[in-house]
Amino acid sequence: MARVERPACGGSAINGMVFVRGHRSSYDAWVAAGATGWGFADLLPFFRRSENAVGRVSDLRGVDGPLTVAPASPPHPVPTALLQAATEVGHRRATDISGGDEEGFGWTDLNIIDGRRQSAADAYLTPALARSKLDVVTDALVHRVLITRGRRTGVEYSVGGSLTSVGCSAEVVLTAGSIGSPQVLMLSGIGPPSQLHELGIEVAADLPGVGSNLQDHPVANLAYQAARPFRQERTTMERRLACYAAGRAWMARTSS
């Protein structure tokens, strides 16, 4: 198995440490659009298997998975006041918005253990590093998935100036983010033929949707003056700027 990871805002290593699932209706809409097997009921066993949702024992949450998730403790006074205000003006108070069944205002879960971020690598990869059949290659750039007669047979990547190919007898898991994943697929010949032909890439699979329909989610930040002093922490905008700077620095390293 080849695993491809690239830092990006929203990944488990660089983000606000927020762990939130979508609502049941969002996943079921995928099925309605033709993605059979990706409905909420289909994904729920995998959601539950991944998490240890402390204090949230139910049929919708897992309690013995590698990712420990829980609301911030102690809660910050500002969001505490905002939740109270939302309830006072009539909005529904959600007890567990990651359960997938509720709508309203409530606390999000975070990936934090003993005051430190827990990334997916911390939860899954680190405990498995001693396995004899696992090799982890860092500072590597994946060029393409190797495809022979319509089947993936390996991955081509480079470390420094050295190009390497690794074979695959089972599966290749591509997790390079919303931008990197379609890029690797298209470099592998998987995508819209017209664009692949323009770049001189041999078509391995005609999939016109690859590289299309990327959507952003604009955010509007509002600032208010507090009626009384409160504990000052890093603001959301400061975290976003730090995330942006980290992404730019990574892009500069990989493009040089």
C-alpha atoms as a PDB file:
ATOM      1  CA  MET A   1       0.000   0.000   0.000  1.00  0.00           C
ATOM      2  CA  ALA A   2       1.305   3.445  -0.879  1.00  0.00           C
ATOM      3  CA  ARG A   3       0.146   6.395   1.179  1.00  0.00           C
ATOM      4  CA  VAL A   4       0.464   9.932  -0.179  1.00  0.00           C
ATOM      5  CA  GLU A   5       0.099  12.866   2.194  1.00  0.00           C
ATOM      6  CA  ARG A   6       0.621  16.590   1.656  1.00  0.00           C
ATOM      7  CA  PRO A   7       0.108  19.277   4.270  1.00  0.00           C
ATOM      8  CA  ALA A   8      -3.027  21.332   3.736  1.00  0.00           C
ATOM      9  CA  CYS A   9      -5.342  23.497   5.807  1.00  0.00           C
ATOM     10  CA  GLY A  10      -8.008  21.143   7.053  1.00  0.00           C
ATOM     11  CA  GLY A  11      -5.735  18.115   7.511  1.00  0.00           C
ATOM     12  CA  SER A  12      -5.325  16.570  10.950  1.00  0.00           C
ATOM     13  CA  ALA A  13      -1.797  17.966  11.416  1.00  0.00           C
ATOM     14  CA  ILE A  14      -2.528  21.576  10.360  1.00  0.00           C
ATOM     15  CA  ASN A  15      -5.961  22.885  11.333  1.00  0.00           C
ATOM     16  CA  GLY A  16      -7.969  24.114  14.322  1.00  0.00           C
ATOM     17  CA  MET A  17      -7.969  20.584  15.828  1.00  0.00           C
ATOM     18  CA  VAL A  18     -11.710  20.383  15.134  1.00  0.00           C
ATOM     19  CA  PHE A  19     -13.285  16.941  14.644  1.00  0.00           C
ATOM     20  CA  VAL A  20     -16.760  17.318  13.131  1.00  0.00           C
ATOM     21  CA  ARG A  21     -18.791  14.960  10.976  1.00  0.00           C
ATOM     22  CA  GLY A  22     -21.339  16.123   8.465  1.00  0.00           C
ATOM     23  CA  HIS A  23     -25.080  15.813   8.948  1.00  0.00           C
ATOM     24  CA  ARG A  24     -26.825  12.584   7.944  1.00  0.00           C
ATOM     25  CA  SER A  25     -28.611  14.370   5.077  1.00  0.00           C
ATOM     26  CA  SER A  26     -25.315  15.435   3.478  1.00  0.00           C
ATOM     27  CA  TYR A  27     -24.049  11.855   3.126  1.00  0.00           C
ATOM     28  CA  ASP A  28     -27.418  10.585   1.957  1.00  0.00           C
ATOM     29  CA  ALA A  29     -27.380  13.286  -0.724  1.00  0.00           C
ATOM     30  CA  TRP A  30     -24.242  11.653  -2.110  1.00  0.00           C
ATOM     31  CA  VAL A  31     -26.199   8.435  -2.620  1.00  0.00           C
ATOM     32  CA  ALA A  32     -29.024  10.359  -4.292  1.00  0.00           C
ATOM     33  CA  ALA A  33     -26.412  11.797  -6.676  1.00  0.00           C
ATOM     34  CA  GLY A  34     -25.206   8.314  -7.597  1.00  0.00           C
ATOM     35  CA  ALA A  35     -22.488   7.515  -5.028  1.00  0.00           C
ATOM     36  CA  THR A  36     -23.867   4.137  -3.967  1.00  0.00           C
ATOM     37  CA  GLY A  37     -22.427   2.891  -0.689  1.00  0.00           C
ATOM     38  CA  TRP A  38     -21.524   6.344   0.655  1.00  0.00           C
ATOM     39  CA  GLY A  39     -24.673   7.073   2.660  1.00  0.00           C
ATOM     40  CA  PHE A  40     -24.685   7.854   6.371  1.00  0.00           C
ATOM     41  CA  ALA A  41     -25.652   4.302   7.347  1.00  0.00           C
ATOM     42  CA  ASP A  42     -22.862   2.927   5.129  1.00  0.00           C
ATOM     43  CA  LEU A  43     -20.199   5.174   6.669  1.00  0.00           C
ATOM     44  CA  LEU A  44     -21.349   5.077  10.289  1.00  0.00           C
ATOM     45  CA  PRO A  45     -19.498   1.828  11.185  1.00  0.00           C
ATOM     46  CA  PHE A  46     -16.246   3.393   9.958  1.00  0.00           C
ATOM     47  CA  PHE A  47     -16.933   6.646  11.807  1.00  0.00           C
ATOM     48  CA  ARG A  48     -17.508   4.720  15.034  1.00  0.00           C
ATOM     49  CA  ARG A  49     -14.460   2.504  14.510  1.00  0.00           C
ATOM     50  CA  SER A  50     -12.181   5.553  14.167  1.00  0.00           C
ATOM     51  CA  GLU A  51     -13.086   7.395  17.352  1.00  0.00           C
ATOM     52  CA  ASN A  52     -13.032   7.321  21.117  1.00  0.00           C
ATOM     53  CA  ALA A  53     -15.758   9.870  21.827  1.00  0.00           C
ATOM     54  CA  VAL A  54     -15.299  10.336  25.554  1.00  0.00           C
ATOM     55  CA  GLY A  55     -18.596  10.483  27.434  1.00  0.00           C
ATOM     56  CA  ARG A  56     -20.716  10.142  24.296  1.00  0.00           C
ATOM     57  CA  VAL A  57     -21.785   6.533  24.347  1.00  0.00           C
ATOM     58  CA  SER A  58     -24.545   5.928  21.791  1.00  0.00           C
ATOM     59  CA  ASP A  59     -25.294   4.047  18.621  1.00  0.00           C
ATOM     60  CA  LEU A  60     -23.896   7.027  16.680  1.00  0.00           C
ATOM     61  CA  ARG A  61     -20.494   7.408  18.357  1.00  0.00           C
ATOM     62  CA  GLY A  62     -17.550   5.083  18.899  1.00  0.00           C
ATOM     63  CA  VAL A  63     -15.793   4.635  22.231  1.00  0.00           C
ATOM     64  CA  ASP A  64     -12.799   2.371  21.492  1.00  0.00           C
ATOM     65  CA  GLY A  65     -11.168   3.847  18.362  1.00  0.00           C
ATOM     66  CA  PRO A  66      -7.677   5.387  18.099  1.00  0.00           C
ATOM     67  CA  LEU A  67      -8.815   9.035  17.734  1.00  0.00           C
ATOM     68  CA  THR A  68      -9.729  10.547  21.095  1.00  0.00           C
ATOM     69  CA  VAL A  69     -12.266  13.325  20.551  1.00  0.00           C
ATOM     70  CA  ALA A  70     -14.072  15.557  23.033  1.00  0.00           C
ATOM     71  CA  PRO A  71     -15.152  19.196  23.502  1.00  0.00           C
ATOM     72  CA  ALA A  72     -12.632  21.696  24.841  1.00  0.00           C
ATOM     73  CA  SER A  73     -12.034  21.455  28.569  1.00  0.00           C
ATOM     74  CA  PRO A  74     -12.344  23.834  30.250  1.00  0.00           C
ATOM     75  CA  PRO A  75     -14.691  25.641  27.828  1.00  0.00           C
ATOM     76  CA  HIS A  76     -13.656  29.138  26.760  1.00  0.00           C
ATOM     77  CA  PRO A  77     -15.918  31.882  28.188  1.00  0.00           C
ATOM     78  CA  VAL A  78     -16.561  33.546  24.814  1.00  0.00           C
ATOM     79  CA  PRO A  79     -18.097  30.545  22.958  1.00  0.00           C
ATOM     80  CA  THR A  80     -19.870  29.635  26.200  1.00  0.00           C
ATOM     81  CA  ALA A  81     -21.573  33.042  26.152  1.00  0.00           C
ATOM     82  CA  LEU A  82     -22.329  32.737  22.421  1.00  0.00           C
ATOM     83  CA  LEU A  83     -24.012  29.360  22.907  1.00  0.00           C
ATOM     84  CA  GLN A  84     -26.080  30.755  25.734  1.00  0.00           C
ATOM     85  CA  ALA A  85     -27.088  33.724  23.597  1.00  0.00           C
ATOM     86  CA  ALA A  86     -28.092  31.478  20.695  1.00  0.00           C
ATOM     87  CA  THR A  87     -30.292  29.456  23.013  1.00  0.00           C
ATOM     88  CA  GLU A  88     -31.870  32.571  24.507  1.00  0.00           C
ATOM     89  CA  VAL A  89     -32.972  33.871  21.090  1.00  0.00           C
ATOM     90  CA  GLY A  90     -34.641  30.569  20.253  1.00  0.00           C
ATOM     91  CA  HIS A  91     -32.065  28.455  18.409  1.00  0.00           C
ATOM     92  CA  ARG A  92     -31.909  24.759  19.222  1.00  0.00           C
ATOM     93  CA  ARG A  93     -29.109  23.629  21.522  1.00  0.00           C
ATOM     94  CA  ALA A  94     -27.434  20.527  20.093  1.00  0.00           C
ATOM     95  CA  THR A  95     -25.994  18.003  22.535  1.00  0.00           C
ATOM     96  CA  ASP A  96     -23.727  16.305  19.974  1.00  0.00           C
ATOM     97  CA  ILE A  97     -23.558  17.892  16.530  1.00  0.00           C
ATOM     98  CA  SER A  98     -21.107  15.207  15.294  1.00  0.00           C
ATOM     99  CA  GLY A  99     -23.676  12.485  15.881  1.00  0.00           C
ATOM    100  CA  GLY A 100     -25.162  13.295  12.471  1.00  0.00           C
ATOM    101  CA  ASP A 101     -28.785  13.621  13.576  1.00  0.00           C
ATOM    102  CA  GLU A 102     -28.917  17.078  15.155  1.00  0.00           C
ATOM    103  CA  GLU A 103     -29.147  20.630  13.880  1.00  0.00           C
ATOM    104  CA  GLY A 104     -28.456  23.624  16.071  1.00  0.00           C
ATOM    105  CA  PHE A 105     -25.719  25.234  18.120  1.00  0.00           C
ATOM    106  CA  GLY A 106     -23.362  23.135  20.211  1.00  0.00           C
ATOM    107  CA  TRP A 107     -19.787  22.291  21.147  1.00  0.00           C
ATOM    108  CA  THR A 108     -17.552  20.743  18.500  1.00  0.00           C
ATOM    109  CA  ASP A 109     -15.213  17.892  19.324  1.00  0.00           C
ATOM    110  CA  LEU A 110     -11.465  18.465  19.206  1.00  0.00           C
ATOM    111  CA  ASN A 111      -8.457  16.178  18.624  1.00  0.00           C
ATOM    112  CA  ILE A 112      -6.605  16.914  21.876  1.00  0.00           C
ATOM    113  CA  ILE A 113      -4.958  14.573  24.386  1.00  0.00           C
ATOM    114  CA  ASP A 114      -3.346  15.953  27.536  1.00  0.00           C
ATOM    115  CA  GLY A 115      -3.303  19.443  26.039  1.00  0.00           C
ATOM    116  CA  ARG A 116      -1.616  18.386  22.780  1.00  0.00           C
ATOM    117  CA  ARG A 117      -2.928  17.886  19.235  1.00  0.00           C
ATOM    118  CA  GLN A 118      -3.543  14.293  18.177  1.00  0.00           C
ATOM    119  CA  SER A 119      -3.138  13.923  14.430  1.00  0.00           C
ATOM    120  CA  ALA A 120      -4.199  10.949  12.330  1.00  0.00           C
ATOM    121  CA  ALA A 121      -0.509   9.978  12.190  1.00  0.00           C
ATOM    122  CA  ASP A 122      -0.349  10.026  16.002  1.00  0.00           C
ATOM    123  CA  ALA A 123      -3.420   7.801  16.217  1.00  0.00           C
ATOM    124  CA  TYR A 124      -2.752   5.352  13.396  1.00  0.00           C
ATOM    125  CA  LEU A 125       0.820   5.523  12.114  1.00  0.00           C
ATOM    126  CA  THR A 126       2.966   5.977  15.222  1.00  0.00           C
ATOM    127  CA  PRO A 127       1.624   2.846  16.991  1.00  0.00           C
ATOM    128  CA  ALA A 128       2.358   0.799  13.843  1.00  0.00           C
ATOM    129  CA  LEU A 129       5.918   1.991  13.163  1.00  0.00           C
ATOM    130  CA  ALA A 130       7.443  -1.172  14.634  1.00  0.00           C
ATOM    131  CA  ARG A 131       5.640  -3.448  12.185  1.00  0.00           C
ATOM    132  CA  SER A 132       8.056  -5.324   9.962  1.00  0.00           C
ATOM    133  CA  LYS A 133       5.899  -4.888   6.859  1.00  0.00           C
ATOM    134  CA  LEU A 134       5.630  -1.095   7.181  1.00  0.00           C
ATOM    135  CA  ASP A 135       8.132   1.278   5.556  1.00  0.00           C
ATOM    136  CA  VAL A 136       7.623   5.047   5.986  1.00  0.00           C
ATOM    137  CA  VAL A 137       9.311   7.321   3.439  1.00  0.00           C
ATOM    138  CA  THR A 138       9.386  11.020   4.367  1.00  0.00           C
ATOM    139  CA  ASP A 139      10.268  14.121   2.305  1.00  0.00           C
ATOM    140  CA  ALA A 140       9.051  12.276  -0.793  1.00  0.00           C
ATOM    141  CA  LEU A 141       7.188  13.725  -3.780  1.00  0.00           C
ATOM    142  CA  VAL A 142       4.755  11.388  -5.543  1.00  0.00           C
ATOM    143  CA  HIS A 143       4.803  11.795  -9.320  1.00  0.00           C
ATOM    144  CA  ARG A 144       2.154   9.314 -10.442  1.00  0.00           C
ATOM    145  CA  VAL A 145       0.406   6.026  -9.890  1.00  0.00           C
ATOM    146  CA  LEU A 146       1.755   3.349 -12.238  1.00  0.00           C
ATOM    147  CA  ILE A 147      -0.960   1.691 -14.311  1.00  0.00           C
ATOM    148  CA  THR A 148      -0.566  -1.421 -16.483  1.00  0.00           C
ATOM    149  CA  ARG A 149      -3.423  -2.727 -18.654  1.00  0.00           C
ATOM    150  CA  GLY A 150      -5.963  -0.734 -16.710  1.00  0.00           C
ATOM    151  CA  ARG A 151      -4.796  -1.786 -13.222  1.00  0.00           C
ATOM    152  CA  ARG A 152      -2.610   0.140 -10.788  1.00  0.00           C
ATOM    153  CA  THR A 153       0.671  -1.654 -10.259  1.00  0.00           C
ATOM    154  CA  GLY A 154       2.657   0.772  -8.119  1.00  0.00           C
ATOM    155  CA  VAL A 155       3.716   4.337  -7.426  1.00  0.00           C
ATOM    156  CA  GLU A 156       6.527   6.497  -8.787  1.00  0.00           C
ATOM    157  CA  TYR A 157       8.053   9.023  -6.378  1.00  0.00           C
ATOM    158  CA  SER A 158      11.277  10.913  -5.770  1.00  0.00           C
ATOM    159  CA  VAL A 159      13.317  11.773  -2.714  1.00  0.00           C
ATOM    160  CA  GLY A 160      15.696  14.622  -3.494  1.00  0.00           C
ATOM    161  CA  GLY A 161      16.834  13.968  -7.048  1.00  0.00           C
ATOM    162  CA  SER A 162      16.415  10.196  -6.904  1.00  0.00           C
ATOM    163  CA  LEU A 163      13.435   8.707  -8.763  1.00  0.00           C
ATOM    164  CA  THR A 164      12.026   5.479  -7.324  1.00  0.00           C
ATOM    165  CA  SER A 165       9.234   3.103  -8.267  1.00  0.00           C
ATOM    166  CA  VAL A 166       7.547   0.779  -5.801  1.00  0.00           C
ATOM    167  CA  GLY A 167       5.285  -2.073  -6.855  1.00  0.00           C
ATOM    168  CA  CYS A 168       1.863  -2.855  -5.457  1.00  0.00           C
ATOM    169  CA  SER A 169       0.049  -6.196  -5.318  1.00  0.00           C
ATOM    170  CA  ALA A 170      -3.011  -5.053  -3.342  1.00  0.00           C
ATOM    171  CA  GLU A 171      -4.176  -1.442  -3.385  1.00  0.00           C
ATOM    172  CA  VAL A 172      -2.931   2.136  -3.625  1.00  0.00           C
ATOM    173  CA  VAL A 173      -4.531   4.636  -1.244  1.00  0.00           C
ATOM    174  CA  LEU A 174      -4.209   8.178  -2.587  1.00  0.00           C
ATOM    175  CA  THR A 175      -4.630  10.861   0.095  1.00  0.00           C
ATOM    176  CA  ALA A 176      -3.015  13.984  -1.301  1.00  0.00           C
ATOM    177  CA  GLY A 177      -5.748  16.485  -0.491  1.00  0.00           C
ATOM    178  CA  SER A 178      -8.419  18.162  -2.593  1.00  0.00           C
ATOM    179  CA  ILE A 179      -5.820  19.691  -4.937  1.00  0.00           C
ATOM    180  CA  GLY A 180      -2.988  17.174  -4.824  1.00  0.00           C
ATOM    181  CA  SER A 181      -5.162  14.074  -5.357  1.00  0.00           C
ATOM    182  CA  PRO A 182      -6.598  15.100  -8.748  1.00  0.00           C
ATOM    183  CA  GLN A 183      -3.148  16.336  -9.779  1.00  0.00           C
ATOM    184  CA  VAL A 184      -1.597  12.921  -9.107  1.00  0.00           C
ATOM    185  CA  LEU A 185      -4.510  11.179 -10.833  1.00  0.00           C
ATOM    186  CA  MET A 186      -4.146  13.310 -13.953  1.00  0.00           C
ATOM    187  CA  LEU A 187      -0.368  12.843 -14.018  1.00  0.00           C
ATOM    188  CA  SER A 188      -1.164   9.114 -13.909  1.00  0.00           C
ATOM    189  CA  GLY A 189      -3.410   9.388 -16.970  1.00  0.00           C
ATOM    190  CA  ILE A 190      -6.698   9.382 -15.064  1.00  0.00           C
ATOM    191  CA  GLY A 191      -8.935  12.317 -15.974  1.00  0.00           C
ATOM    192  CA  PRO A 192     -10.478  14.220 -18.897  1.00  0.00           C
ATOM    193  CA  PRO A 193      -8.792  13.044 -22.129  1.00  0.00           C
ATOM    194  CA  SER A 194      -8.797  16.496 -23.741  1.00  0.00           C
ATOM    195  CA  GLN A 195      -6.682  17.982 -20.955  1.00  0.00           C
ATOM    196  CA  LEU A 196      -4.413  14.945 -20.714  1.00  0.00           C
ATOM    197  CA  HIS A 197      -3.730  15.051 -24.469  1.00  0.00           C
ATOM    198  CA  GLU A 198      -2.786  18.737 -24.240  1.00  0.00           C
ATOM    199  CA  LEU A 199      -0.109  17.806 -21.670  1.00  0.00           C
ATOM    200  CA  GLY A 200       1.142  14.804 -23.606  1.00  0.00           C
ATOM    201  CA  ILE A 201      -0.109  12.336 -20.973  1.00  0.00           C
ATOM    202  CA  GLU A 202      -1.342   8.947 -22.163  1.00  0.00           C
ATOM    203  CA  VAL A 203      -4.943   8.317 -21.113  1.00  0.00           C
ATOM    204  CA  ALA A 204      -5.296   5.370 -18.739  1.00  0.00           C
ATOM    205  CA  ALA A 205      -8.891   6.073 -17.695  1.00  0.00           C
ATOM    206  CA  ASP A 206     -11.436   8.510 -19.138  1.00  0.00           C
ATOM    207  CA  LEU A 207     -12.822  10.255 -16.033  1.00  0.00           C
ATOM    208  CA  PRO A 208     -13.909  13.800 -16.982  1.00  0.00           C
ATOM    209  CA  GLY A 209     -14.804  14.768 -13.409  1.00  0.00           C
ATOM    210  CA  VAL A 210     -11.217  14.573 -12.127  1.00  0.00           C
ATOM    211  CA  GLY A 211      -9.894  18.054 -11.403  1.00  0.00           C
ATOM    212  CA  SER A 212     -13.340  19.683 -11.647  1.00  0.00           C
ATOM    213  CA  ASN A 213     -15.928  21.091  -9.252  1.00  0.00           C
ATOM    214  CA  LEU A 214     -13.531  22.286  -6.534  1.00  0.00           C
ATOM    215  CA  GLN A 215     -15.514  24.544  -4.205  1.00  0.00           C
ATOM    216  CA  ASP A 216     -14.297  26.937  -1.526  1.00  0.00           C
ATOM    217  CA  HIS A 217     -16.173  28.068   1.554  1.00  0.00           C
ATOM    218  CA  PRO A 218     -15.810  31.825   2.146  1.00  0.00           C
ATOM    219  CA  VAL A 219     -15.691  32.984   5.752  1.00  0.00           C
ATOM    220  CA  ALA A 220     -16.725  36.381   7.109  1.00  0.00           C
ATOM    221  CA  ASN A 221     -15.097  37.386  10.394  1.00  0.00           C
ATOM    222  CA  LEU A 222     -16.865  39.802  12.740  1.00  0.00           C
ATOM    223  CA  ALA A 223     -15.141  41.717  15.553  1.00  0.00           C
ATOM    224  CA  TYR A 224     -16.818  42.989  18.716  1.00  0.00           C
ATOM    225  CA  GLN A 225     -15.597  44.829  21.779  1.00  0.00           C
ATOM    226  CA  ALA A 226     -16.095  42.786  24.933  1.00  0.00           C
ATOM    227  CA  ALA A 227     -18.085  44.270  27.798  1.00  0.00           C
ATOM    228  CA  ARG A 228     -15.511  42.980  30.255  1.00  0.00           C
ATOM    229  CA  PRO A 229     -11.961  41.517  30.106  1.00  0.00           C
ATOM    230  CA  PHE A 230     -11.568  37.838  29.301  1.00  0.00           C
ATOM    231  CA  ARG A 231      -8.746  35.389  28.732  1.00  0.00           C
ATOM    232  CA  GLN A 232      -6.928  36.170  25.475  1.00  0.00           C
ATOM    233  CA  GLU A 233      -6.027  33.313  23.174  1.00  0.00           C
ATOM    234  CA  ARG A 234      -4.968  32.981  19.591  1.00  0.00           C
ATOM    235  CA  THR A 235      -7.758  34.175  17.316  1.00  0.00           C
ATOM    236  CA  THR A 236      -9.275  32.199  14.464  1.00  0.00           C
ATOM    237  CA  MET A 237      -7.812  34.650  11.938  1.00  0.00           C
ATOM    238  CA  GLU A 238      -4.339  34.243  13.446  1.00  0.00           C
ATOM    239  CA  ARG A 239      -4.682  30.457  13.142  1.00  0.00           C
ATOM    240  CA  ARG A 240      -5.812  30.783   9.522  1.00  0.00           C
ATOM    241  CA  LEU A 241      -2.890  33.072   8.689  1.00  0.00           C
ATOM    242  CA  ALA A 242      -0.463  30.622  10.320  1.00  0.00           C
ATOM    243  CA  CYS A 243      -2.032  27.792   8.310  1.00  0.00           C
ATOM    244  CA  TYR A 244      -1.737  29.807   5.091  1.00  0.00           C
ATOM    245  CA  ALA A 245       1.897  30.657   5.837  1.00  0.00           C
ATOM    246  CA  ALA A 246       2.717  27.018   6.523  1.00  0.00           C
ATOM    247  CA  GLY A 247       1.084  25.975   3.243  1.00  0.00           C
ATOM    248  CA  ARG A 248       2.968  28.627   1.275  1.00  0.00           C
ATOM    249  CA  ALA A 249       6.260  27.570   2.871  1.00  0.00           C
ATOM    250  CA  TRP A 250       5.582  23.938   1.942  1.00  0.00           C
ATOM    251  CA  MET A 251       4.723  24.879  -1.659  1.00  0.00           C
ATOM    252  CA  ALA A 252       7.943  26.890  -1.909  1.00  0.00           C
ATOM    253  CA  ARG A 253       9.996  23.899  -0.724  1.00  0.00           C
ATOM    254  CA  THR A 254       8.366  21.411  -3.083  1.00  0.00           C
ATOM    255  CA  SER A 255       8.539  23.673  -6.134  1.00  0.00           C
ATOM    256  CA  SER A 256      12.209  24.572  -5.692  1.00  0.00           C
END
